[in-house]
Protein backbone atom coordinates (compact mmCIF):
# COMPACT_ATOMS: atom_id res chain seq x y z
CA UNK A 1 90.17 104.45 129.35
CA UNK A 2 87.18 104.44 127.00
CA UNK A 3 88.12 104.71 123.32
CA UNK A 4 86.79 107.94 121.82
CA UNK A 5 84.83 107.31 118.63
CA UNK A 6 85.15 110.26 116.25
CA UNK A 7 83.21 109.11 113.21
CA UNK A 8 81.14 106.27 111.81
CA UNK A 9 80.12 105.78 108.20
CA UNK A 10 77.73 103.21 106.76
CA UNK A 11 79.51 101.00 104.21
CA UNK A 12 77.04 98.28 103.12
CA UNK A 13 74.87 95.51 104.55
CA UNK A 14 75.81 95.48 108.27
CA UNK A 15 79.27 97.00 107.87
CA UNK A 16 80.34 100.33 109.34
CA UNK A 17 83.64 102.20 109.00
CA UNK A 18 84.81 103.60 112.34
CA UNK A 19 87.53 106.10 113.22
CA UNK A 20 88.80 106.68 116.75
CA UNK A 21 90.58 109.70 118.24
CA UNK A 22 93.90 107.82 118.44
CA UNK A 23 93.86 107.35 114.65
CA UNK A 24 92.79 103.70 114.65
CA UNK A 25 90.20 103.05 111.98
CA UNK A 26 88.60 100.17 110.18
CA UNK A 27 85.44 98.46 109.05
CA UNK A 28 83.41 96.23 111.32
CA UNK A 29 80.68 93.79 110.33
CA UNK A 30 77.89 93.55 112.88
CA UNK A 31 75.77 90.95 111.04
CA UNK A 32 76.49 88.28 113.67
CA UNK A 33 75.73 90.63 116.57
CA UNK A 34 72.11 91.40 115.67
CA UNK A 35 70.32 89.03 118.01
CA UNK A 36 68.15 89.69 121.01
CA UNK A 37 65.14 91.90 121.48
CA UNK A 38 66.88 95.29 121.21
CA UNK A 39 68.92 94.30 118.11
CA UNK A 40 66.20 92.41 116.20
CA UNK A 41 64.86 95.55 114.41
CA UNK A 42 68.39 96.24 113.09
CA UNK A 43 68.18 93.16 110.87
CA UNK A 44 66.26 95.46 108.54
CA UNK A 45 69.07 97.24 106.62
CA UNK A 46 67.02 100.44 106.34
CA UNK A 47 66.85 100.60 110.15
CA UNK A 48 70.45 99.46 110.65
CA UNK A 49 71.91 102.27 108.54
CA UNK A 50 70.16 104.95 110.61
CA UNK A 51 72.74 104.95 113.42
CA UNK A 52 74.40 108.02 114.88
CA UNK A 53 77.56 108.72 116.82
CA UNK A 54 76.70 109.47 120.43
CA UNK A 55 79.58 111.68 121.56
CA UNK A 56 78.63 111.36 125.23
CA UNK A 57 78.77 107.56 125.14
CA UNK A 58 81.51 107.49 122.47
CA UNK A 59 79.71 104.80 120.49
CA UNK A 60 77.12 104.37 117.79
CA UNK A 61 73.47 104.19 118.77
CA UNK A 62 70.22 103.48 117.00
CA UNK A 63 66.77 104.99 117.47
CA UNK A 64 65.61 101.56 118.72
CA UNK A 65 67.78 102.05 121.84
CA UNK A 66 70.43 99.60 120.67
CA UNK A 67 74.12 100.28 121.18
CA UNK A 68 77.33 98.36 121.75
CA UNK A 69 80.16 99.31 124.08
CA UNK A 70 82.87 101.49 122.47
CA UNK A 71 85.47 99.03 123.76
CA UNK A 72 83.80 96.29 121.69
CA UNK A 73 83.99 98.37 118.51
CA UNK A 74 87.60 99.32 119.22
CA UNK A 75 88.63 95.69 119.81
CA UNK A 76 86.95 94.60 116.55
CA UNK A 77 88.86 97.28 114.63
CA UNK A 78 92.14 96.58 116.45
CA UNK A 79 91.91 92.86 115.67
CA UNK A 80 92.03 93.50 111.92
CA UNK A 81 95.23 93.47 109.90
CA UNK A 82 96.25 97.04 108.96
CA UNK A 83 95.38 96.58 105.27
CA UNK A 84 91.92 95.18 106.01
CA UNK A 85 91.24 97.87 108.60
CA UNK A 86 92.01 100.69 106.19
CA UNK A 87 95.21 101.61 108.00
CA UNK A 88 98.27 103.28 106.48
CA UNK A 89 99.40 100.20 104.55
CA UNK A 90 95.99 99.96 102.87
CA UNK A 91 96.59 103.27 101.09
CA UNK A 92 99.74 102.27 99.24
């Protein structure tokens, strides 16, 4: 089943805070993913921060045509410790 992305918020540099329908949330850093023809323009932070949530694809997309699979985003968030991901223990 494809994870359903509910919201995405620009944090800084190449970091984005994501929240999924199942409650999982966290920050991902995409700095190391910006290679290849479609991602090259995103190295400009002013272009990178202009993403949007595509509800049909359940991922973030950019006007350049770039996107990453929602499963990739979900796995990056899920791999973080709860405190680093902004989970319940991070709010104590």
